[in-house]
Amino acid sequence: MKIKKKVWPEYFEKILSGQKNYEVRLADWKCKEGDILVLEEWDPKTKEYTGRKVEKKVSYVIKTKDCQFWPKKDIDKYGFQIIGLK
């Protein structure tokens, strides 16, 4: 399955260069090994897509609820996922 997600410019660059080969996301959507993430660069200042995108195959997914990046109510409801990319 192909799944589209927004990525801020500083993270998009690191993914594009190969420096960053994982994603940490709120687990409010389903993702499994073999899926394709279509990561679209999103500028939070202009609130617009830049037009750049990259596709990455999901190689590993782990879900847990031990994280403080998101509001506790969202973590309690969804947990979060770490997504390995190749």
PDB file of N, CA and C in Angstrom:
ATOM      1  N   MET A   1       0.839  -1.167   0.000  1.00  0.00           N
ATOM      2  CA  MET A   1       0.000   0.000   0.000  1.00  0.00           C
ATOM      3  C   MET A   1       0.894   1.242   0.000  1.00  0.00           C
ATOM      4  N   LYS A   2       0.481   2.295  -0.708  1.00  0.00           N
ATOM      5  CA  LYS A   2       1.192   3.578  -0.674  1.00  0.00           C
ATOM      6  C   LYS A   2       0.482   4.495   0.309  1.00  0.00           C
ATOM      7  N   ILE A   3       1.270   5.122   1.167  1.00  0.00           N
ATOM      8  CA  ILE A   3       0.737   5.999   2.204  1.00  0.00           C
ATOM      9  C   ILE A   3       1.441   7.344   2.096  1.00  0.00           C
ATOM     10  N   LYS A   4       0.674   8.421   1.949  1.00  0.00           N
ATOM     11  CA  LYS A   4       1.246   9.771   1.847  1.00  0.00           C
ATOM     12  C   LYS A   4       1.309  10.426   3.219  1.00  0.00           C
ATOM     13  N   LYS A   5       2.463  11.054   3.507  1.00  0.00           N
ATOM     14  CA  LYS A   5       2.642  11.770   4.768  1.00  0.00           C
ATOM     15  C   LYS A   5       3.454  13.040   4.527  1.00  0.00           C
ATOM     16  N   LYS A   6       3.146  14.070   5.307  1.00  0.00           N
ATOM     17  CA  LYS A   6       3.901  15.330   5.269  1.00  0.00           C
ATOM     18  C   LYS A   6       5.210  15.173   6.021  1.00  0.00           C
ATOM     19  N   VAL A   7       6.246  15.870   5.559  1.00  0.00           N
ATOM     20  CA  VAL A   7       7.537  15.902   6.256  1.00  0.00           C
ATOM     21  C   VAL A   7       8.061  17.330   6.184  1.00  0.00           C
ATOM     22  N   TRP A   8       8.482  17.872   7.309  1.00  0.00           N
ATOM     23  CA  TRP A   8       9.051  19.219   7.339  1.00  0.00           C
ATOM     24  C   TRP A   8      10.387  19.243   6.605  1.00  0.00           C
ATOM     25  N   PRO A   9      10.772  20.389   6.046  1.00  0.00           N
ATOM     26  CA  PRO A   9      11.970  20.485   5.199  1.00  0.00           C
ATOM     27  C   PRO A   9      13.255  19.946   5.813  1.00  0.00           C
ATOM     28  N   GLU A  10      13.537  20.236   7.092  1.00  0.00           N
ATOM     29  CA  GLU A  10      14.806  19.784   7.665  1.00  0.00           C
ATOM     30  C   GLU A  10      14.877  18.260   7.747  1.00  0.00           C
ATOM     31  N   TYR A  11      13.753  17.600   7.963  1.00  0.00           N
ATOM     32  CA  TYR A  11      13.722  16.140   8.017  1.00  0.00           C
ATOM     33  C   TYR A  11      13.700  15.549   6.614  1.00  0.00           C
ATOM     34  N   PHE A  12      13.002  16.212   5.703  1.00  0.00           N
ATOM     35  CA  PHE A  12      12.947  15.757   4.312  1.00  0.00           C
ATOM     36  C   PHE A  12      14.362  15.688   3.729  1.00  0.00           C
ATOM     37  N   GLU A  13      15.159  16.726   3.961  1.00  0.00           N
ATOM     38  CA  GLU A  13      16.537  16.759   3.445  1.00  0.00           C
ATOM     39  C   GLU A  13      17.353  15.591   3.966  1.00  0.00           C
ATOM     40  N   LYS A  14      17.202  15.283   5.252  1.00  0.00           N
ATOM     41  CA  LYS A  14      17.975  14.179   5.847  1.00  0.00           C
ATOM     42  C   LYS A  14      17.524  12.830   5.305  1.00  0.00           C
ATOM     43  N   ILE A  15      16.244  12.684   5.046  1.00  0.00           N
ATOM     44  CA  ILE A  15      15.729  11.448   4.444  1.00  0.00           C
ATOM     45  C   ILE A  15      16.242  11.333   3.014  1.00  0.00           C
ATOM     46  N   LEU A  16      16.161  12.427   2.274  1.00  0.00           N
ATOM     47  CA  LEU A  16      16.599  12.443   0.873  1.00  0.00           C
ATOM     48  C   LEU A  16      18.079  12.097   0.750  1.00  0.00           C
ATOM     49  N   SER A  17      18.905  12.598   1.665  1.00  0.00           N
ATOM     50  CA  SER A  17      20.348  12.353   1.611  1.00  0.00           C
ATOM     51  C   SER A  17      20.718  10.951   2.103  1.00  0.00           C
ATOM     52  N   GLY A  18      19.791  10.279   2.768  1.00  0.00           N
ATOM     53  CA  GLY A  18      20.071   8.956   3.317  1.00  0.00           C
ATOM     54  C   GLY A  18      20.564   8.990   4.747  1.00  0.00           C
ATOM     55  N   GLN A  19      20.750  10.195   5.292  1.00  0.00           N
ATOM     56  CA  GLN A  19      21.217  10.326   6.674  1.00  0.00           C
ATOM     57  C   GLN A  19      20.168   9.811   7.660  1.00  0.00           C
ATOM     58  N   LYS A  20      18.894  10.055   7.364  1.00  0.00           N
ATOM     59  CA  LYS A  20      17.795   9.637   8.255  1.00  0.00           C
ATOM     60  C   LYS A  20      17.040   8.505   7.562  1.00  0.00           C
ATOM     61  N   ASN A  21      17.076   7.311   8.162  1.00  0.00           N
ATOM     62  CA  ASN A  21      16.431   6.163   7.537  1.00  0.00           C
ATOM     63  C   ASN A  21      15.321   5.566   8.410  1.00  0.00           C
ATOM     64  N   TYR A  22      14.644   6.431   9.163  1.00  0.00           N
ATOM     65  CA  TYR A  22      13.543   6.006  10.016  1.00  0.00           C
ATOM     66  C   TYR A  22      12.553   7.158  10.146  1.00  0.00           C
ATOM     67  N   GLU A  23      11.368   6.851  10.610  1.00  0.00           N
ATOM     68  CA  GLU A  23      10.353   7.853  10.922  1.00  0.00           C
ATOM     69  C   GLU A  23       9.754   7.506  12.266  1.00  0.00           C
ATOM     70  N   VAL A  24       9.452   8.496  13.068  1.00  0.00           N
ATOM     71  CA  VAL A  24       8.705   8.324  14.307  1.00  0.00           C
ATOM     72  C   VAL A  24       7.399   9.071  14.103  1.00  0.00           C
ATOM     73  N   ARG A  25       6.313   8.353  14.178  1.00  0.00           N
ATOM     74  CA  ARG A  25       4.999   8.926  13.895  1.00  0.00           C
ATOM     75  C   ARG A  25       3.982   8.486  14.934  1.00  0.00           C
ATOM     76  N   LEU A  26       3.000   9.331  15.171  1.00  0.00           N
ATOM     77  CA  LEU A  26       1.862   8.947  15.974  1.00  0.00           C
ATOM     78  C   LEU A  26       1.183   7.775  15.259  1.00  0.00           C
ATOM     79  N   ALA A  27       0.861   6.733  15.991  1.00  0.00           N
ATOM     80  CA  ALA A  27       0.302   5.521  15.381  1.00  0.00           C
ATOM     81  C   ALA A  27      -1.208   5.621  15.213  1.00  0.00           C
ATOM     82  N   ASP A  28      -1.665   6.719  14.601  1.00  0.00           N
ATOM     83  CA  ASP A  28      -3.095   6.919  14.358  1.00  0.00           C
ATOM     84  C   ASP A  28      -3.487   6.468  12.955  1.00  0.00           C
ATOM     85  N   TRP A  29      -2.593   5.696  12.317  1.00  0.00           N
ATOM     86  CA  TRP A  29      -2.854   5.128  10.990  1.00  0.00           C
ATOM     87  C   TRP A  29      -2.097   3.808  10.909  1.00  0.00           C
ATOM     88  N   LYS A  30      -2.513   2.936  10.024  1.00  0.00           N
ATOM     89  CA  LYS A  30      -1.893   1.614   9.903  1.00  0.00           C
ATOM     90  C   LYS A  30      -0.737   1.650   8.924  1.00  0.00           C
ATOM     91  N   CYS A  31       0.321   0.932   9.286  1.00  0.00           N
ATOM     92  CA  CYS A  31       1.526   0.851   8.480  1.00  0.00           C
ATOM     93  C   CYS A  31       2.153  -0.510   8.738  1.00  0.00           C
ATOM     94  N   LYS A  32       2.618  -1.171   7.675  1.00  0.00           N
ATOM     95  CA  LYS A  32       3.250  -2.472   7.871  1.00  0.00           C
ATOM     96  C   LYS A  32       4.445  -2.618   6.936  1.00  0.00           C
ATOM     97  N   GLU A  33       5.283  -3.601   7.237  1.00  0.00           N
ATOM     98  CA  GLU A  33       6.442  -3.872   6.399  1.00  0.00           C
ATOM     99  C   GLU A  33       5.992  -4.113   4.962  1.00  0.00           C
ATOM    100  N   GLY A  34       6.736  -3.521   4.024  1.00  0.00           N
ATOM    101  CA  GLY A  34       6.414  -3.655   2.609  1.00  0.00           C
ATOM    102  C   GLY A  34       5.615  -2.488   2.063  1.00  0.00           C
ATOM    103  N   ASP A  35       4.928  -1.721   2.935  1.00  0.00           N
ATOM    104  CA  ASP A  35       4.210  -0.531   2.466  1.00  0.00           C
ATOM    105  C   ASP A  35       5.213   0.483   1.919  1.00  0.00           C
ATOM    106  N   ILE A  36       4.729   1.402   1.109  1.00  0.00           N
ATOM    107  CA  ILE A  36       5.543   2.496   0.574  1.00  0.00           C
ATOM    108  C   ILE A  36       5.053   3.795   1.198  1.00  0.00           C
ATOM    109  N   LEU A  37       5.983   4.524   1.853  1.00  0.00           N
ATOM    110  CA  LEU A  37       5.653   5.859   2.351  1.00  0.00           C
ATOM    111  C   LEU A  37       6.031   6.866   1.280  1.00  0.00           C
ATOM    112  N   VAL A  38       5.063   7.651   0.874  1.00  0.00           N
ATOM    113  CA  VAL A  38       5.307   8.765  -0.039  1.00  0.00           C
ATOM    114  C   VAL A  38       5.439   9.981   0.865  1.00  0.00           C
ATOM    115  N   LEU A  39       6.671  10.415   1.069  1.00  0.00           N
ATOM    116  CA  LEU A  39       6.950  11.521   1.983  1.00  0.00           C
ATOM    117  C   LEU A  39       7.019  12.812   1.187  1.00  0.00           C
ATOM    118  N   GLU A  40       6.074  13.701   1.462  1.00  0.00           N
ATOM    119  CA  GLU A  40       5.949  14.956   0.726  1.00  0.00           C
ATOM    120  C   GLU A  40       6.423  16.113   1.606  1.00  0.00           C
ATOM    121  N   GLU A  41       7.360  16.890   1.088  1.00  0.00           N
ATOM    122  CA  GLU A  41       7.903  18.011   1.854  1.00  0.00           C
ATOM    123  C   GLU A  41       6.815  19.060   2.070  1.00  0.00           C
ATOM    124  N   TRP A  42       6.651  19.453   3.329  1.00  0.00           N
ATOM    125  CA  TRP A  42       5.617  20.411   3.756  1.00  0.00           C
ATOM    126  C   TRP A  42       6.306  21.538   4.507  1.00  0.00           C
ATOM    127  N   ASP A  43       6.052  22.764   4.089  1.00  0.00           N
ATOM    128  CA  ASP A  43       6.641  23.914   4.759  1.00  0.00           C
ATOM    129  C   ASP A  43       5.664  24.428   5.813  1.00  0.00           C
ATOM    130  N   PRO A  44       5.993  24.279   7.104  1.00  0.00           N
ATOM    131  CA  PRO A  44       5.067  24.705   8.151  1.00  0.00           C
ATOM    132  C   PRO A  44       4.884  26.224   8.216  1.00  0.00           C
ATOM    133  N   LYS A  45       5.845  26.970   7.662  1.00  0.00           N
ATOM    134  CA  LYS A  45       5.720  28.438   7.666  1.00  0.00           C
ATOM    135  C   LYS A  45       4.678  28.906   6.662  1.00  0.00           C
ATOM    136  N   THR A  46       4.722  28.338   5.452  1.00  0.00           N
ATOM    137  CA  THR A  46       3.770  28.738   4.401  1.00  0.00           C
ATOM    138  C   THR A  46       2.508  27.882   4.414  1.00  0.00           C
ATOM    139  N   LYS A  47       2.590  26.760   5.148  1.00  0.00           N
ATOM    140  CA  LYS A  47       1.492  25.791   5.197  1.00  0.00           C
ATOM    141  C   LYS A  47       1.139  25.276   3.801  1.00  0.00           C
ATOM    142  N   GLU A  48       2.202  24.992   3.036  1.00  0.00           N
ATOM    143  CA  GLU A  48       2.030  24.473   1.676  1.00  0.00           C
ATOM    144  C   GLU A  48       3.063  23.383   1.403  1.00  0.00           C
ATOM    145  N   TYR A  49       2.712  22.493   0.482  1.00  0.00           N
ATOM    146  CA  TYR A  49       3.680  21.515  -0.003  1.00  0.00           C
ATOM    147  C   TYR A  49       4.668  22.222  -0.921  1.00  0.00           C
ATOM    148  N   THR A  50       5.927  21.766  -0.918  1.00  0.00           N
ATOM    149  CA  THR A  50       6.956  22.374  -1.771  1.00  0.00           C
ATOM    150  C   THR A  50       6.963  21.756  -3.166  1.00  0.00           C
ATOM    151  N   GLY A  51       6.341  20.590  -3.306  1.00  0.00           N
ATOM    152  CA  GLY A  51       6.350  19.881  -4.582  1.00  0.00           C
ATOM    153  C   GLY A  51       7.365  18.748  -4.608  1.00  0.00           C
ATOM    154  N   ARG A  52       8.254  18.712  -3.614  1.00  0.00           N
ATOM    155  CA  ARG A  52       9.241  17.625  -3.560  1.00  0.00           C
ATOM    156  C   ARG A  52       8.660  16.452  -2.788  1.00  0.00           C
ATOM    157  N   LYS A  53       8.963  15.254  -3.259  1.00  0.00           N
ATOM    158  CA  LYS A  53       8.521  14.048  -2.561  1.00  0.00           C
ATOM    159  C   LYS A  53       9.517  12.935  -2.802  1.00  0.00           C
ATOM    160  N   VAL A  54       9.506  11.972  -1.906  1.00  0.00           N
ATOM    161  CA  VAL A  54      10.381  10.808  -2.015  1.00  0.00           C
ATOM    162  C   VAL A  54       9.580   9.600  -1.544  1.00  0.00           C
ATOM    163  N   GLU A  55       9.802   8.460  -2.193  1.00  0.00           N
ATOM    164  CA  GLU A  55       9.138   7.225  -1.797  1.00  0.00           C
ATOM    165  C   GLU A  55      10.142   6.325  -1.099  1.00  0.00           C
ATOM    166  N   LYS A  56       9.727   5.772   0.043  1.00  0.00           N
ATOM    167  CA  LYS A  56      10.574   4.879   0.824  1.00  0.00           C
ATOM    168  C   LYS A  56       9.772   3.640   1.204  1.00  0.00           C
ATOM    169  N   LYS A  57      10.410   2.480   1.084  1.00  0.00           N
ATOM    170  CA  LYS A  57       9.772   1.228   1.465  1.00  0.00           C
ATOM    171  C   LYS A  57       9.917   1.024   2.967  1.00  0.00           C
ATOM    172  N   VAL A  58       8.833   0.642   3.611  1.00  0.00           N
ATOM    173  CA  VAL A  58       8.839   0.358   5.042  1.00  0.00           C
ATOM    174  C   VAL A  58       9.493  -1.003   5.266  1.00  0.00           C
ATOM    175  N   SER A  59      10.578  -1.019   6.045  1.00  0.00           N
ATOM    176  CA  SER A  59      11.293  -2.263   6.302  1.00  0.00           C
ATOM    177  C   SER A  59      11.017  -2.823   7.699  1.00  0.00           C
ATOM    178  N   TYR A  60      10.528  -1.985   8.602  1.00  0.00           N
ATOM    179  CA  TYR A  60      10.303  -2.434   9.978  1.00  0.00           C
ATOM    180  C   TYR A  60       9.365  -1.461  10.667  1.00  0.00           C
ATOM    181  N   VAL A  61       8.466  -1.969  11.494  1.00  0.00           N
ATOM    182  CA  VAL A  61       7.564  -1.123  12.285  1.00  0.00           C
ATOM    183  C   VAL A  61       7.513  -1.669  13.701  1.00  0.00           C
ATOM    184  N   ILE A  62       7.695  -0.786  14.683  1.00  0.00           N
ATOM    185  CA  ILE A  62       7.502  -1.142  16.092  1.00  0.00           C
ATOM    186  C   ILE A  62       6.548  -0.107  16.673  1.00  0.00           C
ATOM    187  N   LYS A  63       5.589  -0.574  17.449  1.00  0.00           N
ATOM    188  CA  LYS A  63       4.632   0.334  18.080  1.00  0.00           C
ATOM    189  C   LYS A  63       4.762   0.217  19.591  1.00  0.00           C
ATOM    190  N   THR A  64       4.668   1.359  20.270  1.00  0.00           N
ATOM    191  CA  THR A  64       4.744   1.399  21.723  1.00  0.00           C
ATOM    192  C   THR A  64       4.030   2.653  22.213  1.00  0.00           C
ATOM    193  N   LYS A  65       3.933   2.820  23.510  1.00  0.00           N
ATOM    194  CA  LYS A  65       3.288   4.005  24.079  1.00  0.00           C
ATOM    195  C   LYS A  65       4.211   4.777  25.012  1.00  0.00           C
ATOM    196  N   ASP A  66       5.502   4.493  25.001  1.00  0.00           N
ATOM    197  CA  ASP A  66       6.458   5.165  25.889  1.00  0.00           C
ATOM    198  C   ASP A  66       7.161   6.320  25.188  1.00  0.00           C
ATOM    199  N   CYS A  67       6.482   7.437  25.026  1.00  0.00           N
ATOM    200  CA  CYS A  67       7.070   8.586  24.326  1.00  0.00           C
ATOM    201  C   CYS A  67       6.362   9.858  24.766  1.00  0.00           C
ATOM    202  N   GLN A  68       7.076  10.983  24.758  1.00  0.00           N
ATOM    203  CA  GLN A  68       6.489  12.246  25.201  1.00  0.00           C
ATOM    204  C   GLN A  68       6.454  13.311  24.088  1.00  0.00           C
ATOM    205  N   PHE A  69       6.525  12.915  22.820  1.00  0.00           N
ATOM    206  CA  PHE A  69       6.493  13.885  21.717  1.00  0.00           C
ATOM    207  C   PHE A  69       5.093  14.424  21.449  1.00  0.00           C
ATOM    208  N   TRP A  70       4.080  13.674  21.770  1.00  0.00           N
ATOM    209  CA  TRP A  70       2.707  14.045  21.463  1.00  0.00           C
ATOM    210  C   TRP A  70       1.897  14.158  22.748  1.00  0.00           C
ATOM    211  N   PRO A  71       0.723  14.774  22.687  1.00  0.00           N
ATOM    212  CA  PRO A  71      -0.113  14.881  23.889  1.00  0.00           C
ATOM    213  C   PRO A  71      -0.408  13.491  24.471  1.00  0.00           C
ATOM    214  N   LYS A  72      -0.418  13.404  25.795  1.00  0.00           N
ATOM    215  CA  LYS A  72      -0.629  12.130  26.476  1.00  0.00           C
ATOM    216  C   LYS A  72      -1.913  11.445  26.028  1.00  0.00           C
ATOM    217  N   LYS A  73      -2.971  12.216  25.813  1.00  0.00           N
ATOM    218  CA  LYS A  73      -4.239  11.606  25.391  1.00  0.00           C
ATOM    219  C   LYS A  73      -4.103  10.916  24.037  1.00  0.00           C
ATOM    220  N   ASP A  74      -3.303  11.487  23.116  1.00  0.00           N
ATOM    221  CA  ASP A  74      -3.092  10.852  21.813  1.00  0.00           C
ATOM    222  C   ASP A  74      -2.213   9.617  21.934  1.00  0.00           C
ATOM    223  N   ILE A  75      -1.178   9.691  22.775  1.00  0.00           N
ATOM    224  CA  ILE A  75      -0.323   8.525  22.987  1.00  0.00           C
ATOM    225  C   ILE A  75      -1.131   7.402  23.637  1.00  0.00           C
ATOM    226  N   ASP A  76      -1.950   7.746  24.620  1.00  0.00           N
ATOM    227  CA  ASP A  76      -2.781   6.741  25.280  1.00  0.00           C
ATOM    228  C   ASP A  76      -3.737   6.085  24.289  1.00  0.00           C
ATOM    229  N   LYS A  77      -4.253   6.877  23.355  1.00  0.00           N
ATOM    230  CA  LYS A  77      -5.216   6.358  22.385  1.00  0.00           C
ATOM    231  C   LYS A  77      -4.544   5.532  21.292  1.00  0.00           C
ATOM    232  N   TYR A  78      -3.423   6.050  20.730  1.00  0.00           N
ATOM    233  CA  TYR A  78      -2.827   5.427  19.539  1.00  0.00           C
ATOM    234  C   TYR A  78      -1.485   4.747  19.768  1.00  0.00           C
ATOM    235  N   GLY A  79      -0.714   5.198  20.762  1.00  0.00           N
ATOM    236  CA  GLY A  79       0.679   4.784  20.860  1.00  0.00           C
ATOM    237  C   GLY A  79       1.450   5.534  19.777  1.00  0.00           C
ATOM    238  N   PHE A  80       2.672   5.079  19.464  1.00  0.00           N
ATOM    239  CA  PHE A  80       3.403   5.676  18.349  1.00  0.00           C
ATOM    240  C   PHE A  80       4.163   4.584  17.647  1.00  0.00           C
ATOM    241  N   GLN A  81       4.680   4.900  16.476  1.00  0.00           N
ATOM    242  CA  GLN A  81       5.397   3.897  15.699  1.00  0.00           C
ATOM    243  C   GLN A  81       6.726   4.461  15.204  1.00  0.00           C
ATOM    244  N   ILE A  82       7.724   3.594  15.173  1.00  0.00           N
ATOM    245  CA  ILE A  82       9.028   3.919  14.609  1.00  0.00           C
ATOM    246  C   ILE A  82       9.122   3.108  13.340  1.00  0.00           C
ATOM    247  N   ILE A  83       9.392   3.782  12.238  1.00  0.00           N
ATOM    248  CA  ILE A  83       9.335   3.153  10.924  1.00  0.00           C
ATOM    249  C   ILE A  83      10.726   3.163  10.304  1.00  0.00           C
ATOM    250  N   GLY A  84      11.314   1.984  10.083  1.00  0.00           N
ATOM    251  CA  GLY A  84      12.602   1.887   9.388  1.00  0.00           C
ATOM    252  C   GLY A  84      12.375   1.990   7.889  1.00  0.00           C
ATOM    253  N   LEU A  85      13.251   2.690   7.200  1.00  0.00           N
ATOM    254  CA  LEU A  85      13.106   2.927   5.766  1.00  0.00           C
ATOM    255  C   LEU A  85      14.330   2.424   4.995  1.00  0.00           C
ATOM    256  N   LYS A  86      14.091   1.945   3.772  1.00  0.00           N
ATOM    257  CA  LYS A  86      15.228   1.620   2.913  1.00  0.00           C
ATOM    258  C   LYS A  86      14.979   2.065   1.499  1.00  0.00           C
TER     259      LYS A  86
END
